[in-house]
Structures are given as structure tokens and as C-alpha cells.
Amino acid sequence: MTRVIRFLEEHSDELVNYWFSTYYVKSEEYQERKCIPGYLDAQYSEAKRLFVQSLKKCSTKDVTESVRNIGEDRRDMNIDIEDMLKSHFDFYTALMEFITIHHDKKNLDCSVKELFSALLELRKIETSSALELYKGYTIEPSSTRF
């Protein structure tokens, strides 16, 4: 495990808080659902759980299915696909900012090479999860689904 990944696992709450307060609060989804009891806690928990799972890569199939299910849920909630994808990309923008900020402050002690290797790996995760979100959003609902 790289120092960058270990740092992210140890600071996942701080990262999710950063994304939530910097980006998510500006989304249409947030504006439409911020007053629903329990919704924000569920959104926070969902983001953290998926992020930690994706870092561990121990259950790629679980992550893929979870992300695809989120796409389906967002469609069922009538969240605009553009807002859903923007929120996803904003999460990874926040992640890149978070890593850079902590590297610059010397809180994240790693070489530039290790930093860039981790950023490239995270970009792969970002791309594959965006595709799964899109697939989940655009898949035809089954006739057995309620």
C-alpha cells in the first residue's frame, strides 16, 4: 500500500467533509434534498463507504455494483444525469485538491513520483466509476423492479 493511499484511508472523513462542504452543497441534488431527514447522513456514509472500498480494491465487483446502483437510484430520484456526473467528478476534483494541499503542507510525506502514480491510479478509479454511474443511470429498469 502506498503512503498516499494509506493517508487517504486515514483521512477519509476529512476528505469527504472537504468534498461535501466545498462541492456537494452546490449541487442540485443537495438543494433538493437537504431538508429530508437522514438524507445528508446517508449521502455522507455512502460517499465514504464507496471511497474506502475503492481504495482497498478488495471488492471491485462490489464497488462496481454499488456505483451502478447509485446511478439507478439517482435516475429513480429524478436527479439530472448532468448533475449526478458533475457531483462525481467534483468528488475526484476535491480528492486531487485534498492530496495536493496536504502534500504541499508536508502532511502527506511522499515523493513526487509516488504522488503522481497514486493520482494516475485514482484517475482510473474515477473513470471506471463514472462509466458505472452512467450505465446504472441509463439502464432500462427491469419489469420486476418496484
N, C-alpha and C. Protein backbone atom coordinates (compact mmCIF):
# COMPACT_ATOMS: atom_id res chain seq x y z
N MET A 1 0.84 -1.17 0.00
CA MET A 1 0.00 0.00 0.00
C MET A 1 0.90 1.24 0.00
N THR A 2 0.58 2.16 -0.85
CA THR A 2 1.40 3.37 -0.94
C THR A 2 1.08 4.31 0.22
N ARG A 3 1.99 5.22 0.47
CA ARG A 3 1.76 6.20 1.53
C ARG A 3 0.56 7.09 1.22
N VAL A 4 0.35 7.38 -0.06
CA VAL A 4 -0.78 8.22 -0.45
C VAL A 4 -2.10 7.52 -0.12
N ILE A 5 -2.21 6.26 -0.49
CA ILE A 5 -3.44 5.51 -0.23
C ILE A 5 -3.66 5.36 1.27
N ARG A 6 -2.60 5.04 2.00
CA ARG A 6 -2.72 4.93 3.46
C ARG A 6 -3.18 6.27 4.06
N PHE A 7 -2.61 7.38 3.59
CA PHE A 7 -3.01 8.70 4.06
C PHE A 7 -4.50 8.94 3.79
N LEU A 8 -4.95 8.60 2.59
CA LEU A 8 -6.36 8.81 2.25
C LEU A 8 -7.28 7.95 3.11
N GLU A 9 -6.88 6.71 3.37
CA GLU A 9 -7.70 5.86 4.23
C GLU A 9 -7.79 6.44 5.64
N GLU A 10 -6.66 6.95 6.14
CA GLU A 10 -6.63 7.51 7.49
C GLU A 10 -7.38 8.83 7.59
N HIS A 11 -7.52 9.54 6.47
CA HIS A 11 -8.15 10.86 6.47
C HIS A 11 -9.43 10.89 5.62
N SER A 12 -10.09 9.74 5.49
CA SER A 12 -11.27 9.67 4.62
C SER A 12 -12.40 10.58 5.11
N ASP A 13 -12.58 10.68 6.44
CA ASP A 13 -13.62 11.58 6.95
C ASP A 13 -13.33 13.03 6.57
N GLU A 14 -12.08 13.42 6.73
CA GLU A 14 -11.69 14.79 6.40
C GLU A 14 -11.89 15.07 4.91
N LEU A 15 -11.53 14.09 4.06
CA LEU A 15 -11.72 14.25 2.62
C LEU A 15 -13.19 14.38 2.26
N VAL A 16 -14.03 13.49 2.79
CA VAL A 16 -15.46 13.54 2.46
C VAL A 16 -16.07 14.84 2.97
N ASN A 17 -15.64 15.29 4.14
CA ASN A 17 -16.11 16.59 4.65
C ASN A 17 -15.70 17.72 3.71
N TYR A 18 -14.49 17.67 3.20
CA TYR A 18 -13.99 18.69 2.28
C TYR A 18 -14.85 18.72 1.01
N TRP A 19 -15.08 17.54 0.43
CA TRP A 19 -15.91 17.45 -0.77
C TRP A 19 -17.33 17.95 -0.49
N PHE A 20 -17.88 17.48 0.61
CA PHE A 20 -19.25 17.81 0.96
C PHE A 20 -19.43 19.33 1.10
N SER A 21 -18.54 19.96 1.86
CA SER A 21 -18.69 21.38 2.15
C SER A 21 -18.24 22.29 1.01
N THR A 22 -17.35 21.79 0.15
CA THR A 22 -16.83 22.61 -0.93
C THR A 22 -17.61 22.44 -2.23
N TYR A 23 -18.07 21.23 -2.50
CA TYR A 23 -18.70 20.94 -3.79
C TYR A 23 -20.14 20.45 -3.69
N TYR A 24 -20.39 19.45 -2.85
CA TYR A 24 -21.70 18.82 -2.84
C TYR A 24 -22.81 19.80 -2.49
N VAL A 25 -22.52 20.72 -1.58
CA VAL A 25 -23.55 21.68 -1.16
C VAL A 25 -24.01 22.59 -2.30
N LYS A 26 -23.28 22.62 -3.39
CA LYS A 26 -23.64 23.44 -4.55
C LYS A 26 -24.45 22.66 -5.59
N SER A 27 -24.63 21.36 -5.37
CA SER A 27 -25.32 20.53 -6.36
C SER A 27 -26.83 20.67 -6.26
N GLU A 28 -27.49 20.37 -7.36
CA GLU A 28 -28.96 20.38 -7.38
C GLU A 28 -29.50 19.31 -6.43
N GLU A 29 -28.84 18.16 -6.42
CA GLU A 29 -29.28 17.07 -5.55
C GLU A 29 -29.30 17.53 -4.10
N TYR A 30 -28.26 18.19 -3.66
CA TYR A 30 -28.20 18.70 -2.29
C TYR A 30 -29.33 19.71 -2.05
N GLN A 31 -29.49 20.65 -2.97
CA GLN A 31 -30.51 21.69 -2.80
C GLN A 31 -31.91 21.09 -2.70
N GLU A 32 -32.17 20.04 -3.46
CA GLU A 32 -33.50 19.43 -3.47
C GLU A 32 -33.75 18.54 -2.25
N ARG A 33 -32.69 18.02 -1.63
CA ARG A 33 -32.89 17.01 -0.59
C ARG A 33 -32.31 17.36 0.78
N LYS A 34 -31.77 18.56 0.93
CA LYS A 34 -31.10 18.90 2.18
C LYS A 34 -32.04 18.91 3.39
N CYS A 35 -33.31 19.06 3.18
CA CYS A 35 -34.27 19.10 4.30
C CYS A 35 -34.90 17.74 4.59
N ILE A 36 -34.58 16.73 3.82
CA ILE A 36 -35.14 15.40 4.05
C ILE A 36 -34.39 14.77 5.23
N PRO A 37 -35.10 14.41 6.28
CA PRO A 37 -34.44 13.83 7.46
C PRO A 37 -33.60 12.59 7.09
N GLY A 38 -32.35 12.60 7.52
CA GLY A 38 -31.47 11.46 7.31
C GLY A 38 -30.77 11.40 5.97
N TYR A 39 -31.21 12.21 5.01
CA TYR A 39 -30.64 12.11 3.66
C TYR A 39 -29.16 12.50 3.64
N LEU A 40 -28.81 13.58 4.27
CA LEU A 40 -27.42 14.04 4.22
C LEU A 40 -26.48 13.07 4.92
N ASP A 41 -26.93 12.50 6.02
CA ASP A 41 -26.11 11.49 6.70
C ASP A 41 -25.92 10.26 5.82
N ALA A 42 -26.98 9.86 5.13
CA ALA A 42 -26.90 8.71 4.23
C ALA A 42 -25.97 9.01 3.06
N GLN A 43 -26.04 10.20 2.51
CA GLN A 43 -25.18 10.59 1.40
C GLN A 43 -23.72 10.59 1.83
N TYR A 44 -23.45 11.12 3.00
CA TYR A 44 -22.09 11.15 3.55
C TYR A 44 -21.57 9.73 3.73
N SER A 45 -22.38 8.88 4.36
CA SER A 45 -21.97 7.49 4.61
C SER A 45 -21.72 6.74 3.31
N GLU A 46 -22.59 6.95 2.33
CA GLU A 46 -22.45 6.30 1.03
C GLU A 46 -21.13 6.71 0.36
N ALA A 47 -20.84 8.00 0.36
CA ALA A 47 -19.61 8.50 -0.26
C ALA A 47 -18.38 7.93 0.43
N LYS A 48 -18.39 7.93 1.74
CA LYS A 48 -17.22 7.42 2.48
C LYS A 48 -17.04 5.93 2.25
N ARG A 49 -18.12 5.17 2.33
CA ARG A 49 -18.03 3.71 2.17
C ARG A 49 -17.49 3.34 0.78
N LEU A 50 -18.02 3.97 -0.25
CA LEU A 50 -17.57 3.66 -1.60
C LEU A 50 -16.12 4.08 -1.82
N PHE A 51 -15.75 5.21 -1.27
CA PHE A 51 -14.38 5.68 -1.43
C PHE A 51 -13.40 4.71 -0.76
N VAL A 52 -13.68 4.33 0.47
CA VAL A 52 -12.79 3.41 1.19
C VAL A 52 -12.74 2.06 0.47
N GLN A 53 -13.89 1.58 0.00
CA GLN A 53 -13.91 0.32 -0.77
C GLN A 53 -13.05 0.42 -2.02
N SER A 54 -13.16 1.52 -2.73
CA SER A 54 -12.40 1.65 -3.98
C SER A 54 -10.91 1.73 -3.71
N LEU A 55 -10.51 2.29 -2.58
CA LEU A 55 -9.09 2.33 -2.23
C LEU A 55 -8.54 0.94 -1.94
N LYS A 56 -9.35 0.13 -1.30
CA LYS A 56 -8.91 -1.22 -0.92
C LYS A 56 -8.87 -2.16 -2.12
N LYS A 57 -9.70 -1.89 -3.11
CA LYS A 57 -9.79 -2.71 -4.32
C LYS A 57 -10.00 -4.19 -4.02
N CYS A 58 -10.40 -4.49 -2.79
CA CYS A 58 -10.59 -5.89 -2.43
C CYS A 58 -11.90 -6.42 -2.99
N SER A 59 -12.80 -5.53 -3.29
CA SER A 59 -14.10 -5.98 -3.76
C SER A 59 -14.53 -5.13 -4.95
N THR A 60 -13.75 -5.21 -6.02
CA THR A 60 -14.04 -4.40 -7.20
C THR A 60 -15.45 -4.65 -7.71
N LYS A 61 -15.90 -5.89 -7.68
CA LYS A 61 -17.25 -6.20 -8.13
C LYS A 61 -18.28 -5.51 -7.24
N ASP A 62 -18.05 -5.50 -5.92
CA ASP A 62 -18.97 -4.82 -5.02
C ASP A 62 -19.01 -3.32 -5.30
N VAL A 63 -17.84 -2.73 -5.54
CA VAL A 63 -17.78 -1.30 -5.83
C VAL A 63 -18.52 -1.01 -7.13
N THR A 64 -18.26 -1.82 -8.16
CA THR A 64 -18.92 -1.65 -9.45
C THR A 64 -20.43 -1.72 -9.30
N GLU A 65 -20.91 -2.74 -8.60
CA GLU A 65 -22.35 -2.90 -8.40
C GLU A 65 -22.92 -1.74 -7.58
N SER A 66 -22.19 -1.32 -6.55
CA SER A 66 -22.66 -0.22 -5.71
C SER A 66 -22.78 1.07 -6.51
N VAL A 67 -21.77 1.36 -7.32
CA VAL A 67 -21.79 2.59 -8.12
C VAL A 67 -22.89 2.52 -9.17
N ARG A 68 -23.05 1.37 -9.79
CA ARG A 68 -24.12 1.21 -10.77
C ARG A 68 -25.48 1.41 -10.10
N ASN A 69 -25.63 0.87 -8.88
CA ASN A 69 -26.88 1.05 -8.14
C ASN A 69 -27.13 2.51 -7.80
N ILE A 70 -26.07 3.24 -7.51
CA ILE A 70 -26.23 4.67 -7.24
C ILE A 70 -26.76 5.38 -8.49
N GLY A 71 -26.23 5.01 -9.66
CA GLY A 71 -26.73 5.58 -10.90
C GLY A 71 -28.22 5.30 -11.08
N GLU A 72 -28.63 4.06 -10.79
CA GLU A 72 -30.05 3.71 -10.88
C GLU A 72 -30.87 4.53 -9.88
N ASP A 73 -30.37 4.63 -8.65
CA ASP A 73 -31.09 5.39 -7.62
C ASP A 73 -31.24 6.85 -8.01
N ARG A 74 -30.18 7.45 -8.55
CA ARG A 74 -30.25 8.86 -8.94
C ARG A 74 -31.25 9.06 -10.07
N ARG A 75 -31.33 8.11 -10.98
CA ARG A 75 -32.34 8.18 -12.04
C ARG A 75 -33.73 8.10 -11.43
N ASP A 76 -33.93 7.15 -10.51
CA ASP A 76 -35.23 6.97 -9.87
C ASP A 76 -35.62 8.18 -9.03
N MET A 77 -34.63 8.92 -8.53
CA MET A 77 -34.88 10.12 -7.74
C MET A 77 -35.05 11.35 -8.63
N ASN A 78 -35.01 11.13 -9.94
CA ASN A 78 -35.12 12.22 -10.92
C ASN A 78 -34.01 13.26 -10.80
N ILE A 79 -32.83 12.80 -10.41
CA ILE A 79 -31.65 13.67 -10.41
C ILE A 79 -31.19 13.77 -11.85
N ASP A 80 -30.93 14.96 -12.31
CA ASP A 80 -30.44 15.17 -13.66
C ASP A 80 -29.11 14.44 -13.85
N ILE A 81 -28.95 13.74 -14.97
CA ILE A 81 -27.72 12.97 -15.21
C ILE A 81 -26.49 13.88 -15.19
N GLU A 82 -26.64 15.09 -15.69
CA GLU A 82 -25.52 16.01 -15.70
C GLU A 82 -25.10 16.38 -14.27
N ASP A 83 -26.06 16.62 -13.40
CA ASP A 83 -25.77 16.93 -12.01
C ASP A 83 -25.12 15.75 -11.31
N MET A 84 -25.60 14.54 -11.59
CA MET A 84 -25.04 13.34 -11.00
C MET A 84 -23.58 13.18 -11.39
N LEU A 85 -23.30 13.31 -12.69
CA LEU A 85 -21.92 13.15 -13.16
C LEU A 85 -21.03 14.28 -12.66
N LYS A 86 -21.57 15.49 -12.63
CA LYS A 86 -20.78 16.62 -12.13
C LYS A 86 -20.41 16.40 -10.67
N SER A 87 -21.33 15.91 -9.89
CA SER A 87 -21.06 15.63 -8.48
C SER A 87 -19.96 14.57 -8.35
N HIS A 88 -20.02 13.56 -9.20
CA HIS A 88 -18.99 12.52 -9.20
C HIS A 88 -17.62 13.11 -9.53
N PHE A 89 -17.56 13.90 -10.59
CA PHE A 89 -16.27 14.49 -10.98
C PHE A 89 -15.81 15.51 -9.95
N ASP A 90 -16.74 16.20 -9.33
CA ASP A 90 -16.37 17.13 -8.26
C ASP A 90 -15.72 16.39 -7.08
N PHE A 91 -16.22 15.18 -6.79
CA PHE A 91 -15.61 14.40 -5.71
C PHE A 91 -14.13 14.16 -6.03
N TYR A 92 -13.85 13.77 -7.25
CA TYR A 92 -12.45 13.48 -7.61
C TYR A 92 -11.63 14.76 -7.73
N THR A 93 -12.24 15.87 -8.08
CA THR A 93 -11.54 17.16 -8.06
C THR A 93 -11.17 17.48 -6.61
N ALA A 94 -12.11 17.32 -5.70
CA ALA A 94 -11.84 17.56 -4.28
C ALA A 94 -10.73 16.64 -3.78
N LEU A 95 -10.75 15.40 -4.24
CA LEU A 95 -9.72 14.44 -3.86
C LEU A 95 -8.33 14.90 -4.31
N MET A 96 -8.23 15.35 -5.56
CA MET A 96 -6.94 15.83 -6.07
C MET A 96 -6.49 17.08 -5.31
N GLU A 97 -7.43 17.97 -5.02
CA GLU A 97 -7.10 19.17 -4.25
C GLU A 97 -6.64 18.79 -2.84
N PHE A 98 -7.35 17.87 -2.22
CA PHE A 98 -7.05 17.42 -0.87
C PHE A 98 -5.63 16.85 -0.80
N ILE A 99 -5.30 16.00 -1.74
CA ILE A 99 -3.96 15.40 -1.77
C ILE A 99 -2.90 16.47 -1.98
N THR A 100 -3.15 17.35 -2.92
CA THR A 100 -2.18 18.41 -3.22
C THR A 100 -1.97 19.34 -2.02
N ILE A 101 -3.06 19.74 -1.39
CA ILE A 101 -2.97 20.62 -0.21
C ILE A 101 -2.12 19.96 0.87
N HIS A 102 -2.40 18.70 1.15
CA HIS A 102 -1.67 18.01 2.22
C HIS A 102 -0.23 17.71 1.84
N HIS A 103 0.02 17.47 0.58
CA HIS A 103 1.40 17.28 0.14
C HIS A 103 2.17 18.58 0.26
N ASP A 104 1.56 19.68 -0.16
CA ASP A 104 2.20 21.00 -0.05
C ASP A 104 2.47 21.40 1.40
N LYS A 105 1.55 21.04 2.29
CA LYS A 105 1.72 21.36 3.71
C LYS A 105 2.66 20.39 4.42
N LYS A 106 3.12 19.39 3.68
CA LYS A 106 4.02 18.35 4.22
C LYS A 106 3.31 17.42 5.21
N ASN A 107 1.98 17.40 5.18
CA ASN A 107 1.23 16.44 5.99
C ASN A 107 1.26 15.06 5.34
N LEU A 108 1.40 15.04 4.04
CA LEU A 108 1.50 13.81 3.26
C LEU A 108 2.94 13.71 2.79
N ASP A 109 3.68 12.83 3.41
CA ASP A 109 5.10 12.70 3.13
C ASP A 109 5.32 11.58 2.12
N CYS A 110 5.53 11.98 0.87
CA CYS A 110 5.82 11.01 -0.18
C CYS A 110 6.56 11.73 -1.31
N SER A 111 7.20 10.93 -2.15
CA SER A 111 7.92 11.52 -3.28
C SER A 111 6.92 12.00 -4.33
N VAL A 112 7.37 12.88 -5.18
CA VAL A 112 6.53 13.37 -6.27
C VAL A 112 6.15 12.21 -7.18
N LYS A 113 7.08 11.29 -7.40
CA LYS A 113 6.79 10.12 -8.23
C LYS A 113 5.66 9.29 -7.63
N GLU A 114 5.73 9.06 -6.34
CA GLU A 114 4.68 8.29 -5.67
C GLU A 114 3.34 9.03 -5.73
N LEU A 115 3.39 10.35 -5.55
CA LEU A 115 2.19 11.17 -5.62
C LEU A 115 1.54 11.05 -7.00
N PHE A 116 2.33 11.22 -8.05
CA PHE A 116 1.78 11.14 -9.40
C PHE A 116 1.28 9.74 -9.75
N SER A 117 1.96 8.72 -9.28
CA SER A 117 1.50 7.33 -9.51
C SER A 117 0.13 7.12 -8.86
N ALA A 118 -0.02 7.63 -7.64
CA ALA A 118 -1.30 7.49 -6.94
C ALA A 118 -2.39 8.28 -7.66
N LEU A 119 -2.06 9.48 -8.12
CA LEU A 119 -3.05 10.30 -8.84
C LEU A 119 -3.51 9.60 -10.12
N LEU A 120 -2.59 8.97 -10.82
CA LEU A 120 -2.97 8.23 -12.03
C LEU A 120 -3.88 7.06 -11.70
N GLU A 121 -3.58 6.35 -10.62
CA GLU A 121 -4.42 5.23 -10.21
C GLU A 121 -5.81 5.73 -9.81
N LEU A 122 -5.86 6.84 -9.12
CA LEU A 122 -7.15 7.41 -8.73
C LEU A 122 -7.94 7.88 -9.94
N ARG A 123 -7.27 8.37 -10.95
CA ARG A 123 -7.96 8.75 -12.20
C ARG A 123 -8.60 7.52 -12.86
N LYS A 124 -7.92 6.38 -12.80
CA LYS A 124 -8.51 5.15 -13.35
C LYS A 124 -9.78 4.77 -12.60
N ILE A 125 -9.73 4.90 -11.28
CA ILE A 125 -10.91 4.60 -10.47
C ILE A 125 -12.03 5.59 -10.82
N GLU A 126 -11.68 6.85 -10.97
CA GLU A 126 -12.66 7.89 -11.33
C GLU A 126 -13.35 7.55 -12.66
N THR A 127 -12.56 7.17 -13.64
CA THR A 127 -13.11 6.86 -14.96
C THR A 127 -14.01 5.64 -14.93
N SER A 128 -13.54 4.57 -14.31
CA SER A 128 -14.36 3.34 -14.29
C SER A 128 -15.63 3.55 -13.48
N SER A 129 -15.57 4.30 -12.39
CA SER A 129 -16.78 4.52 -11.61
C SER A 129 -17.75 5.46 -12.32
N ALA A 130 -17.23 6.42 -13.08
CA ALA A 130 -18.12 7.29 -13.87
C ALA A 130 -18.87 6.47 -14.91
N LEU A 131 -18.19 5.54 -15.53
CA LEU A 131 -18.86 4.68 -16.51
C LEU A 131 -19.95 3.84 -15.85
N GLU A 132 -19.69 3.35 -14.66
CA GLU A 132 -20.69 2.54 -13.95
C GLU A 132 -21.88 3.39 -13.54
N LEU A 133 -21.64 4.62 -13.10
CA LEU A 133 -22.74 5.53 -12.79
C LEU A 133 -23.62 5.72 -14.02
N TYR A 134 -22.98 5.99 -15.14
CA TYR A 134 -23.70 6.23 -16.39
C TYR A 134 -24.51 4.98 -16.78
N LYS A 135 -23.88 3.81 -16.70
CA LYS A 135 -24.59 2.57 -17.03
C LYS A 135 -25.80 2.38 -16.12
N GLY A 136 -25.61 2.61 -14.82
CA GLY A 136 -26.73 2.46 -13.89
C GLY A 136 -27.85 3.44 -14.18
N TYR A 137 -27.49 4.65 -14.55
CA TYR A 137 -28.49 5.68 -14.82
C TYR A 137 -29.26 5.38 -16.10
N THR A 138 -28.58 4.86 -17.10
CA THR A 138 -29.21 4.68 -18.41
C THR A 138 -29.78 3.29 -18.64
N ILE A 139 -29.54 2.36 -17.75
CA ILE A 139 -30.05 1.01 -17.94
C ILE A 139 -31.58 1.02 -17.81
N GLU A 140 -32.22 0.24 -18.61
CA GLU A 140 -33.67 0.15 -18.56
C GLU A 140 -34.08 -0.54 -17.26
N PRO A 141 -35.02 0.05 -16.52
CA PRO A 141 -35.49 -0.60 -15.30
C PRO A 141 -36.13 -1.94 -15.65
N SER A 142 -35.86 -2.93 -14.82
CA SER A 142 -36.46 -4.25 -15.08
C SER A 142 -37.93 -4.20 -14.72
N SER A 143 -38.66 -5.09 -15.33
CA SER A 143 -40.11 -5.12 -15.09
C SER A 143 -40.44 -5.62 -13.69
N THR A 144 -39.46 -6.28 -13.03
CA THR A 144 -39.72 -6.79 -11.69
C THR A 144 -39.37 -5.78 -10.61
N ARG A 145 -38.78 -4.68 -10.98
CA ARG A 145 -38.42 -3.65 -10.02
C ARG A 145 -39.63 -2.79 -9.67
N PHE A 146 -39.76 -2.42 -8.43
CA PHE A 146 -40.90 -1.61 -7.99
C PHE A 146 -40.48 -0.18 -7.88
